[in-house]
């Protein structure tokens, strides 16, 4: 499938599609699912589905079932039963305790407003995110208690090869700062959960939307700290809405239809999007 072939791996290929059940699938999410499914099939590997439903406030009742109904209707059949992050909560504390024991995490009392008002954030961050200024890295300010927990990052570049984008480099200290792995509301953060889940499921290849490319260095950093094998990455250009933003339900994305004629047309549109960037076999 990929324009740039992936290197051989000693591990059998295992790919995955990991949607958040915040609503039904639309064209943008179908493109990511189709790309990961086609890559798995091209490599003779397994394709898994994982519901990333840790954020209960954003989860829409019934959305997971809608997603699981739509995928096989569009020819995307998982090779194993789907799993839900909310049912895997026991995995994350163990990873957190390993990081804590190694001195890699610390409690943070800062609010989002305090971080936004710091000198570091008086310039526009490269990735449109607030850069954590390290306020609590050496200990909590007097009278403050932890709101969240952050993992320390090195002041050095993390470099990886994306199978489509090529070599990618990011200095986490300068461009992100120490990042949250346990949120103020007690929920495990996406970055930790996805790393733990991919390792637990033996995922060797992550094919997903390019909007997640900027998360990859953080995930590689966690993989290294936890001694987990890194998967290969391929980030597919996202489908854009008319305003140029990523297509989403917030800007008018239409839920996938299960009508046979609509399925054929939508699959053709998704395949054409992938073909534009040189991804064949979809």
C-alpha atoms as a PDB file:
ATOM      1  CA  UNK A   1       0.000   0.000   0.000  1.00  0.00           C
ATOM      2  CA  UNK A   2       2.499   2.730   1.007  1.00  0.00           C
ATOM      3  CA  UNK A   3       4.407   4.843  -1.478  1.00  0.00           C
ATOM      4  CA  UNK A   4       7.465   4.368   0.732  1.00  0.00           C
ATOM      5  CA  UNK A   5       7.729   0.701   1.693  1.00  0.00           C
ATOM      6  CA  UNK A   6       8.129  -0.081   5.352  1.00  0.00           C
ATOM      7  CA  UNK A   7      11.175  -1.973   6.587  1.00  0.00           C
ATOM      8  CA  UNK A   8      10.740  -5.630   7.427  1.00  0.00           C
ATOM      9  CA  UNK A   9       9.825  -6.461  11.003  1.00  0.00           C
ATOM     10  CA  UNK A  10      10.601  -9.523  13.062  1.00  0.00           C
ATOM     11  CA  UNK A  11       7.092  -9.261  14.506  1.00  0.00           C
ATOM     12  CA  UNK A  12       3.989 -10.295  12.527  1.00  0.00           C
ATOM     13  CA  UNK A  13       2.142  -7.251  11.219  1.00  0.00           C
ATOM     14  CA  UNK A  14      -0.654  -5.999  13.483  1.00  0.00           C
ATOM     15  CA  UNK A  15      -2.446  -2.774  12.634  1.00  0.00           C
ATOM     16  CA  UNK A  16      -5.365  -1.015  14.260  1.00  0.00           C
ATOM     17  CA  UNK A  17      -8.090   1.575  13.858  1.00  0.00           C
ATOM     18  CA  UNK A  18      -8.791   3.387  17.117  1.00  0.00           C
ATOM     19  CA  UNK A  19     -11.748   5.777  16.858  1.00  0.00           C
ATOM     20  CA  UNK A  20     -13.177   7.824  19.703  1.00  0.00           C
ATOM     21  CA  UNK A  21     -16.936   7.155  19.985  1.00  0.00           C
ATOM     22  CA  UNK A  22     -17.862  10.839  19.987  1.00  0.00           C
ATOM     23  CA  UNK A  23     -20.217  10.340  17.058  1.00  0.00           C
ATOM     24  CA  UNK A  24     -20.742   8.175  13.956  1.00  0.00           C
ATOM     25  CA  UNK A  25     -18.065   7.685  11.323  1.00  0.00           C
ATOM     26  CA  UNK A  26     -17.806  10.236   8.504  1.00  0.00           C
ATOM     27  CA  UNK A  27     -15.650  10.515   5.382  1.00  0.00           C
ATOM     28  CA  UNK A  28     -12.600  11.718   7.303  1.00  0.00           C
ATOM     29  CA  UNK A  29     -12.625   8.840   9.754  1.00  0.00           C
ATOM     30  CA  UNK A  30     -13.376   6.390   6.936  1.00  0.00           C
ATOM     31  CA  UNK A  31     -10.193   7.485   5.145  1.00  0.00           C
ATOM     32  CA  UNK A  32      -8.113   6.641   8.228  1.00  0.00           C
ATOM     33  CA  UNK A  33      -9.894   3.304   8.683  1.00  0.00           C
ATOM     34  CA  UNK A  34      -9.552   2.399   5.015  1.00  0.00           C
ATOM     35  CA  UNK A  35      -5.842   3.271   4.963  1.00  0.00           C
ATOM     36  CA  UNK A  36      -5.044   1.188   8.042  1.00  0.00           C
ATOM     37  CA  UNK A  37      -7.164  -1.734   6.836  1.00  0.00           C
ATOM     38  CA  UNK A  38      -5.604  -1.707   3.358  1.00  0.00           C
ATOM     39  CA  UNK A  39      -2.093  -1.538   4.797  1.00  0.00           C
ATOM     40  CA  UNK A  40      -2.786  -4.531   7.030  1.00  0.00           C
ATOM     41  CA  UNK A  41      -4.164  -6.530   4.125  1.00  0.00           C
ATOM     42  CA  UNK A  42      -1.232  -5.540   1.867  1.00  0.00           C
ATOM     43  CA  UNK A  43       1.165  -6.913   4.475  1.00  0.00           C
ATOM     44  CA  UNK A  44      -0.858 -10.056   5.176  1.00  0.00           C
ATOM     45  CA  UNK A  45      -1.392  -8.869   8.733  1.00  0.00           C
ATOM     46  CA  UNK A  46      -4.137  -8.539  11.303  1.00  0.00           C
ATOM     47  CA  UNK A  47      -6.391  -5.491  11.604  1.00  0.00           C
ATOM     48  CA  UNK A  48      -7.836  -4.561  14.992  1.00  0.00           C
ATOM     49  CA  UNK A  49     -10.455  -2.088  16.210  1.00  0.00           C
ATOM     50  CA  UNK A  50     -10.120  -0.303  19.551  1.00  0.00           C
ATOM     51  CA  UNK A  51     -12.651   2.138  20.991  1.00  0.00           C
ATOM     52  CA  UNK A  52     -10.821   5.012  22.672  1.00  0.00           C
ATOM     53  CA  UNK A  53     -13.576   5.890  25.104  1.00  0.00           C
ATOM     54  CA  UNK A  54     -11.641   6.999  28.183  1.00  0.00           C
ATOM     55  CA  UNK A  55     -13.117  10.489  28.006  1.00  0.00           C
ATOM     56  CA  UNK A  56     -16.625   9.748  29.246  1.00  0.00           C
ATOM     57  CA  UNK A  57     -17.718  13.383  28.879  1.00  0.00           C
ATOM     58  CA  UNK A  58     -17.096  13.291  25.117  1.00  0.00           C
ATOM     59  CA  UNK A  59     -18.443   9.790  24.504  1.00  0.00           C
ATOM     60  CA  UNK A  60     -21.826   9.739  22.766  1.00  0.00           C
ATOM     61  CA  UNK A  61     -24.203   6.974  23.787  1.00  0.00           C
ATOM     62  CA  UNK A  62     -24.657   4.542  20.910  1.00  0.00           C
ATOM     63  CA  UNK A  63     -21.751   5.909  18.830  1.00  0.00           C
ATOM     64  CA  UNK A  64     -19.554   2.848  19.383  1.00  0.00           C
ATOM     65  CA  UNK A  65     -22.276   0.549  18.090  1.00  0.00           C
ATOM     66  CA  UNK A  66     -22.799   2.817  15.067  1.00  0.00           C
ATOM     67  CA  UNK A  67     -19.075   2.623  14.286  1.00  0.00           C
ATOM     68  CA  UNK A  68     -18.979  -1.147  14.687  1.00  0.00           C
ATOM     69  CA  UNK A  69     -21.984  -1.467  12.374  1.00  0.00           C
ATOM     70  CA  UNK A  70     -20.554   0.838   9.711  1.00  0.00           C
ATOM     71  CA  UNK A  71     -17.073  -0.682   9.419  1.00  0.00           C
ATOM     72  CA  UNK A  72     -18.093  -4.123   8.064  1.00  0.00           C
ATOM     73  CA  UNK A  73     -20.754  -2.485   5.885  1.00  0.00           C
ATOM     74  CA  UNK A  74     -17.859  -0.664   4.189  1.00  0.00           C
ATOM     75  CA  UNK A  75     -15.866  -3.887   3.845  1.00  0.00           C
ATOM     76  CA  UNK A  76     -13.644  -3.238   6.860  1.00  0.00           C
ATOM     77  CA  UNK A  77     -13.846  -6.392   8.939  1.00  0.00           C
ATOM     78  CA  UNK A  78     -11.707  -6.651  12.071  1.00  0.00           C
ATOM     79  CA  UNK A  79      -9.765  -9.854  12.658  1.00  0.00           C
ATOM     80  CA  UNK A  80     -10.370  -9.890  16.414  1.00  0.00           C
ATOM     81  CA  UNK A  81     -13.221  -8.735  18.656  1.00  0.00           C
ATOM     82  CA  UNK A  82     -13.075  -4.976  19.365  1.00  0.00           C
ATOM     83  CA  UNK A  83     -11.735  -3.732  22.679  1.00  0.00           C
ATOM     84  CA  UNK A  84     -12.715  -0.689  24.734  1.00  0.00           C
ATOM     85  CA  UNK A  85     -10.200   1.460  26.617  1.00  0.00           C
ATOM     86  CA  UNK A  86     -12.729   1.915  29.412  1.00  0.00           C
ATOM     87  CA  UNK A  87     -12.491  -1.827  30.070  1.00  0.00           C
ATOM     88  CA  UNK A  88      -8.686  -1.770  30.200  1.00  0.00           C
ATOM     89  CA  UNK A  89      -8.268   0.639  33.102  1.00  0.00           C
ATOM     90  CA  UNK A  90      -6.093  -1.777  35.048  1.00  0.00           C
ATOM     91  CA  UNK A  91      -3.278  -1.434  32.493  1.00  0.00           C
ATOM     92  CA  UNK A  92      -2.597   2.280  32.925  1.00  0.00           C
ATOM     93  CA  UNK A  93      -1.751   2.544  36.651  1.00  0.00           C
ATOM     94  CA  UNK A  94       1.028  -0.039  36.251  1.00  0.00           C
ATOM     95  CA  UNK A  95       2.672   2.049  33.528  1.00  0.00           C
ATOM     96  CA  UNK A  96       2.244   5.190  35.631  1.00  0.00           C
ATOM     97  CA  UNK A  97       3.864   3.547  38.657  1.00  0.00           C
ATOM     98  CA  UNK A  98       6.864   2.496  36.539  1.00  0.00           C
ATOM     99  CA  UNK A  99       7.305   6.067  35.369  1.00  0.00           C
ATOM    100  CA  UNK A 100       6.877   7.402  38.888  1.00  0.00           C
ATOM    101  CA  UNK A 101       9.399   4.946  40.326  1.00  0.00           C
ATOM    102  CA  UNK A 102      11.898   6.027  37.695  1.00  0.00           C
ATOM    103  CA  UNK A 103      11.504   9.697  38.593  1.00  0.00           C
ATOM    104  CA  UNK A 104      10.027  10.488  35.200  1.00  0.00           C
ATOM    105  CA  UNK A 105       6.737  12.047  36.370  1.00  0.00           C
ATOM    106  CA  UNK A 106       5.731  14.743  38.844  1.00  0.00           C
ATOM    107  CA  UNK A 107       2.613  16.399  40.157  1.00  0.00           C
ATOM    108  CA  UNK A 108       1.595  19.721  38.628  1.00  0.00           C
ATOM    109  CA  UNK A 109      -0.602  22.373  40.263  1.00  0.00           C
ATOM    110  CA  UNK A 110      -0.813  24.729  37.277  1.00  0.00           C
ATOM    111  CA  UNK A 111      -4.096  25.769  35.714  1.00  0.00           C
ATOM    112  CA  UNK A 112      -4.472  26.248  31.982  1.00  0.00           C
ATOM    113  CA  UNK A 113      -4.710  30.015  32.499  1.00  0.00           C
ATOM    114  CA  UNK A 114      -1.423  30.046  34.438  1.00  0.00           C
ATOM    115  CA  UNK A 115       0.282  28.124  31.661  1.00  0.00           C
ATOM    116  CA  UNK A 116      -1.182  30.421  28.989  1.00  0.00           C
ATOM    117  CA  UNK A 117       0.016  33.506  30.864  1.00  0.00           C
ATOM    118  CA  UNK A 118       3.603  32.265  31.211  1.00  0.00           C
ATOM    119  CA  UNK A 119       6.431  33.947  29.338  1.00  0.00           C
ATOM    120  CA  UNK A 120       6.948  30.803  27.258  1.00  0.00           C
ATOM    121  CA  UNK A 121       3.481  31.144  25.751  1.00  0.00           C
ATOM    122  CA  UNK A 122       3.740  34.796  24.774  1.00  0.00           C
ATOM    123  CA  UNK A 123       4.693  33.509  21.333  1.00  0.00           C
ATOM    124  CA  UNK A 124       2.547  31.235  19.189  1.00  0.00           C
ATOM    125  CA  UNK A 125       3.555  27.590  19.781  1.00  0.00           C
ATOM    126  CA  UNK A 126       4.536  25.716  16.664  1.00  0.00           C
ATOM    127  CA  UNK A 127       1.797  23.132  17.071  1.00  0.00           C
ATOM    128  CA  UNK A 128      -0.947  25.430  18.280  1.00  0.00           C
ATOM    129  CA  UNK A 129      -0.663  24.027  21.810  1.00  0.00           C
ATOM    130  CA  UNK A 130       0.387  25.657  25.031  1.00  0.00           C
ATOM    131  CA  UNK A 131       3.998  24.916  25.940  1.00  0.00           C
ATOM    132  CA  UNK A 132       4.382  23.907  29.569  1.00  0.00           C
ATOM    133  CA  UNK A 133       6.971  26.242  31.186  1.00  0.00           C
ATOM    134  CA  UNK A 134       8.163  23.746  33.809  1.00  0.00           C
ATOM    135  CA  UNK A 135       6.730  25.598  36.786  1.00  0.00           C
ATOM    136  CA  UNK A 136       6.311  22.506  38.987  1.00  0.00           C
ATOM    137  CA  UNK A 137       9.180  20.427  37.599  1.00  0.00           C
ATOM    138  CA  UNK A 138      11.326  20.984  40.686  1.00  0.00           C
ATOM    139  CA  UNK A 139       8.479  20.732  43.182  1.00  0.00           C
ATOM    140  CA  UNK A 140       5.070  22.206  43.891  1.00  0.00           C
ATOM    141  CA  UNK A 141       4.809  25.870  44.867  1.00  0.00           C
ATOM    142  CA  UNK A 142       4.079  26.372  48.579  1.00  0.00           C
ATOM    143  CA  UNK A 143       0.472  25.693  49.491  1.00  0.00           C
ATOM    144  CA  UNK A 144      -0.392  24.041  46.161  1.00  0.00           C
ATOM    145  CA  UNK A 145      -1.491  20.457  45.551  1.00  0.00           C
ATOM    146  CA  UNK A 146      -1.214  18.404  42.340  1.00  0.00           C
ATOM    147  CA  UNK A 147      -3.989  18.828  39.788  1.00  0.00           C
ATOM    148  CA  UNK A 148      -2.387  16.654  37.111  1.00  0.00           C
ATOM    149  CA  UNK A 149       0.714  14.555  36.558  1.00  0.00           C
ATOM    150  CA  UNK A 150       3.310  15.297  33.883  1.00  0.00           C
ATOM    151  CA  UNK A 151       6.139  13.305  32.343  1.00  0.00           C
ATOM    152  CA  UNK A 152       9.551  14.938  32.017  1.00  0.00           C
ATOM    153  CA  UNK A 153      10.880  15.406  28.492  1.00  0.00           C
ATOM    154  CA  UNK A 154      14.466  15.791  27.276  1.00  0.00           C
ATOM    155  CA  UNK A 155      15.873  18.946  25.717  1.00  0.00           C
ATOM    156  CA  UNK A 156      16.864  16.969  22.656  1.00  0.00           C
ATOM    157  CA  UNK A 157      15.279  16.087  19.354  1.00  0.00           C
ATOM    158  CA  UNK A 158      13.254  12.932  18.938  1.00  0.00           C
ATOM    159  CA  UNK A 159      13.615  11.778  15.347  1.00  0.00           C
ATOM    160  CA  UNK A 160      11.543   9.133  13.598  1.00  0.00           C
ATOM    161  CA  UNK A 161      10.759   8.087  10.041  1.00  0.00           C
ATOM    162  CA  UNK A 162       7.155   8.352   8.951  1.00  0.00           C
ATOM    163  CA  UNK A 163       6.411   6.050   6.040  1.00  0.00           C
ATOM    164  CA  UNK A 164       4.757   8.869   4.083  1.00  0.00           C
ATOM    165  CA  UNK A 165       6.100  12.131   5.511  1.00  0.00           C
ATOM    166  CA  UNK A 166       9.685  10.913   5.766  1.00  0.00           C
ATOM    167  CA  UNK A 167      12.008  12.045   8.563  1.00  0.00           C
ATOM    168  CA  UNK A 168      10.259  13.964  11.333  1.00  0.00           C
ATOM    169  CA  UNK A 169      12.046  15.761  14.169  1.00  0.00           C
ATOM    170  CA  UNK A 170      10.629  17.366  17.294  1.00  0.00           C
ATOM    171  CA  UNK A 171      12.236  18.821  20.417  1.00  0.00           C
ATOM    172  CA  UNK A 172       9.659  18.142  23.101  1.00  0.00           C
ATOM    173  CA  UNK A 173      11.190  20.475  25.684  1.00  0.00           C
ATOM    174  CA  UNK A 174      11.053  23.478  23.359  1.00  0.00           C
ATOM    175  CA  UNK A 175       7.891  22.693  21.418  1.00  0.00           C
ATOM    176  CA  UNK A 176       5.619  20.932  23.950  1.00  0.00           C
ATOM    177  CA  UNK A 177       7.166  20.880  27.408  1.00  0.00           C
ATOM    178  CA  UNK A 178       6.555  18.239  30.057  1.00  0.00           C
ATOM    179  CA  UNK A 179       3.170  16.824  29.076  1.00  0.00           C
ATOM    180  CA  UNK A 180       0.201  15.477  31.023  1.00  0.00           C
ATOM    181  CA  UNK A 181      -0.291  11.726  31.404  1.00  0.00           C
ATOM    182  CA  UNK A 182      -2.930  11.932  34.149  1.00  0.00           C
ATOM    183  CA  UNK A 183      -5.425  14.767  33.912  1.00  0.00           C
ATOM    184  CA  UNK A 184      -6.827  17.018  36.589  1.00  0.00           C
ATOM    185  CA  UNK A 185     -10.147  15.137  36.418  1.00  0.00           C
ATOM    186  CA  UNK A 186      -8.380  11.866  37.235  1.00  0.00           C
ATOM    187  CA  UNK A 187      -8.584  10.457  33.705  1.00  0.00           C
ATOM    188  CA  UNK A 188      -5.576   8.878  32.053  1.00  0.00           C
ATOM    189  CA  UNK A 189      -4.409  11.072  29.187  1.00  0.00           C
ATOM    190  CA  UNK A 190      -4.533   9.939  25.576  1.00  0.00           C
ATOM    191  CA  UNK A 191      -0.739   9.840  25.157  1.00  0.00           C
ATOM    192  CA  UNK A 192      -0.227   7.282  27.924  1.00  0.00           C
ATOM    193  CA  UNK A 193      -3.297   5.185  27.103  1.00  0.00           C
ATOM    194  CA  UNK A 194      -2.497   4.811  23.413  1.00  0.00           C
ATOM    195  CA  UNK A 195       1.093   3.758  24.105  1.00  0.00           C
ATOM    196  CA  UNK A 196       0.060   1.172  26.682  1.00  0.00           C
ATOM    197  CA  UNK A 197      -2.776  -0.162  24.510  1.00  0.00           C
ATOM    198  CA  UNK A 198      -0.689  -0.475  21.358  1.00  0.00           C
ATOM    199  CA  UNK A 199       1.967  -2.419  23.251  1.00  0.00           C
ATOM    200  CA  UNK A 200      -0.588  -4.648  24.984  1.00  0.00           C
ATOM    201  CA  UNK A 201      -2.195  -5.499  21.632  1.00  0.00           C
ATOM    202  CA  UNK A 202       1.142  -6.110  19.924  1.00  0.00           C
ATOM    203  CA  UNK A 203       0.568  -3.365  17.354  1.00  0.00           C
ATOM    204  CA  UNK A 204       3.477  -3.144  14.925  1.00  0.00           C
ATOM    205  CA  UNK A 205       2.107  -0.509  12.538  1.00  0.00           C
ATOM    206  CA  UNK A 206       0.099   2.628  13.242  1.00  0.00           C
ATOM    207  CA  UNK A 207      -1.648   4.106  10.195  1.00  0.00           C
ATOM    208  CA  UNK A 208      -3.714   7.153  11.170  1.00  0.00           C
ATOM    209  CA  UNK A 209      -4.559  10.744  10.280  1.00  0.00           C
ATOM    210  CA  UNK A 210      -1.843  13.371   9.928  1.00  0.00           C
ATOM    211  CA  UNK A 211      -3.525  15.434  12.667  1.00  0.00           C
ATOM    212  CA  UNK A 212      -1.882  12.982  15.096  1.00  0.00           C
ATOM    213  CA  UNK A 213       1.613  13.337  13.646  1.00  0.00           C
ATOM    214  CA  UNK A 214       2.522  15.893  16.316  1.00  0.00           C
ATOM    215  CA  UNK A 215       1.661  13.390  19.059  1.00  0.00           C
ATOM    216  CA  UNK A 216       4.103  10.792  17.800  1.00  0.00           C
ATOM    217  CA  UNK A 217       7.262  12.150  19.439  1.00  0.00           C
ATOM    218  CA  UNK A 218       5.520  12.169  22.819  1.00  0.00           C
ATOM    219  CA  UNK A 219       4.434   8.588  22.324  1.00  0.00           C
ATOM    220  CA  UNK A 220       7.929   7.511  21.297  1.00  0.00           C
ATOM    221  CA  UNK A 221       9.312   9.199  24.419  1.00  0.00           C
ATOM    222  CA  UNK A 222       6.902   7.196  26.601  1.00  0.00           C
ATOM    223  CA  UNK A 223       7.714   3.984  24.738  1.00  0.00           C
ATOM    224  CA  UNK A 224      11.391   4.503  25.475  1.00  0.00           C
ATOM    225  CA  UNK A 225      10.806   5.235  29.162  1.00  0.00           C
ATOM    226  CA  UNK A 226       8.613   2.133  29.510  1.00  0.00           C
ATOM    227  CA  UNK A 227      10.870  -0.111  27.426  1.00  0.00           C
ATOM    228  CA  UNK A 228       8.148  -0.799  24.863  1.00  0.00           C
ATOM    229  CA  UNK A 229       8.821  -1.639  21.186  1.00  0.00           C
ATOM    230  CA  UNK A 230       7.927   1.291  18.905  1.00  0.00           C
ATOM    231  CA  UNK A 231       5.556   0.634  16.018  1.00  0.00           C
ATOM    232  CA  UNK A 232       6.130   1.978  12.526  1.00  0.00           C
ATOM    233  CA  UNK A 233       4.085   5.051  11.651  1.00  0.00           C
ATOM    234  CA  UNK A 234       2.262   6.251   8.555  1.00  0.00           C
ATOM    235  CA  UNK A 235       0.227   9.453   8.814  1.00  0.00           C
ATOM    236  CA  UNK A 236      -2.388   9.983   6.126  1.00  0.00           C
ATOM    237  CA  UNK A 237      -3.392  13.536   5.079  1.00  0.00           C
ATOM    238  CA  UNK A 238      -6.742  14.394   6.611  1.00  0.00           C
ATOM    239  CA  UNK A 239      -9.877  15.206   4.664  1.00  0.00           C
ATOM    240  CA  UNK A 240     -10.538  18.930   4.877  1.00  0.00           C
ATOM    241  CA  UNK A 241     -13.788  20.823   5.264  1.00  0.00           C
ATOM    242  CA  UNK A 242     -14.536  23.757   2.920  1.00  0.00           C
ATOM    243  CA  UNK A 243     -12.874  26.152   5.403  1.00  0.00           C
ATOM    244  CA  UNK A 244      -9.609  24.179   5.223  1.00  0.00           C
ATOM    245  CA  UNK A 245      -9.934  22.707   8.720  1.00  0.00           C
ATOM    246  CA  UNK A 246      -9.952  18.986   9.421  1.00  0.00           C
ATOM    247  CA  UNK A 247     -13.342  17.535   8.523  1.00  0.00           C
ATOM    248  CA  UNK A 248     -15.257  16.786  11.724  1.00  0.00           C
ATOM    249  CA  UNK A 249     -18.785  16.691  13.032  1.00  0.00           C
ATOM    250  CA  UNK A 250     -18.193  20.215  14.367  1.00  0.00           C
ATOM    251  CA  UNK A 251     -17.804  21.613  10.854  1.00  0.00           C
ATOM    252  CA  UNK A 252     -20.453  19.711   8.985  1.00  0.00           C
ATOM    253  CA  UNK A 253     -19.168  16.167   8.475  1.00  0.00           C
ATOM    254  CA  UNK A 254     -22.032  13.890   7.457  1.00  0.00           C
ATOM    255  CA  UNK A 255     -22.421  10.489   9.094  1.00  0.00           C
ATOM    256  CA  UNK A 256     -21.708   7.546   6.803  1.00  0.00           C
ATOM    257  CA  UNK A 257     -24.787   6.111   5.141  1.00  0.00           C
ATOM    258  CA  UNK A 258     -25.445   2.383   5.124  1.00  0.00           C
ATOM    259  CA  UNK A 259     -27.276   2.582   1.797  1.00  0.00           C
ATOM    260  CA  UNK A 260     -25.524   0.328  -0.731  1.00  0.00           C
ATOM    261  CA  UNK A 261     -25.248   3.016  -3.426  1.00  0.00           C
ATOM    262  CA  UNK A 262     -23.942   5.575  -0.929  1.00  0.00           C
ATOM    263  CA  UNK A 263     -21.399   3.082   0.384  1.00  0.00           C
ATOM    264  CA  UNK A 264     -19.951   2.606  -3.093  1.00  0.00           C
ATOM    265  CA  UNK A 265     -19.736   6.358  -3.749  1.00  0.00           C
ATOM    266  CA  UNK A 266     -18.193   7.128  -0.366  1.00  0.00           C
ATOM    267  CA  UNK A 267     -15.616   4.358  -0.678  1.00  0.00           C
ATOM    268  CA  UNK A 268     -14.656   5.745  -4.069  1.00  0.00           C
ATOM    269  CA  UNK A 269     -14.187   9.222  -2.551  1.00  0.00           C
ATOM    270  CA  UNK A 270     -12.052   7.830   0.278  1.00  0.00           C
ATOM    271  CA  UNK A 271      -9.911   5.807  -2.142  1.00  0.00           C
ATOM    272  CA  UNK A 272      -9.453   8.863  -4.374  1.00  0.00           C
ATOM    273  CA  UNK A 273      -8.255  10.906  -1.394  1.00  0.00           C
ATOM    274  CA  UNK A 274      -5.618   8.281  -0.591  1.00  0.00           C
ATOM    275  CA  UNK A 275      -4.602   7.963  -4.242  1.00  0.00           C
ATOM    276  CA  UNK A 276      -3.885  11.714  -4.384  1.00  0.00           C
ATOM    277  CA  UNK A 277      -0.991  11.257  -1.962  1.00  0.00           C
ATOM    278  CA  UNK A 278       0.347   8.148  -3.633  1.00  0.00           C
ATOM    279  CA  UNK A 279      -1.222   5.557  -1.369  1.00  0.00           C
ATOM    280  CA  UNK A 280      -2.393   2.674  -3.549  1.00  0.00           C
ATOM    281  CA  UNK A 281      -4.140  -0.571  -2.767  1.00  0.00           C
ATOM    282  CA  UNK A 282      -7.089   1.097  -1.025  1.00  0.00           C
END
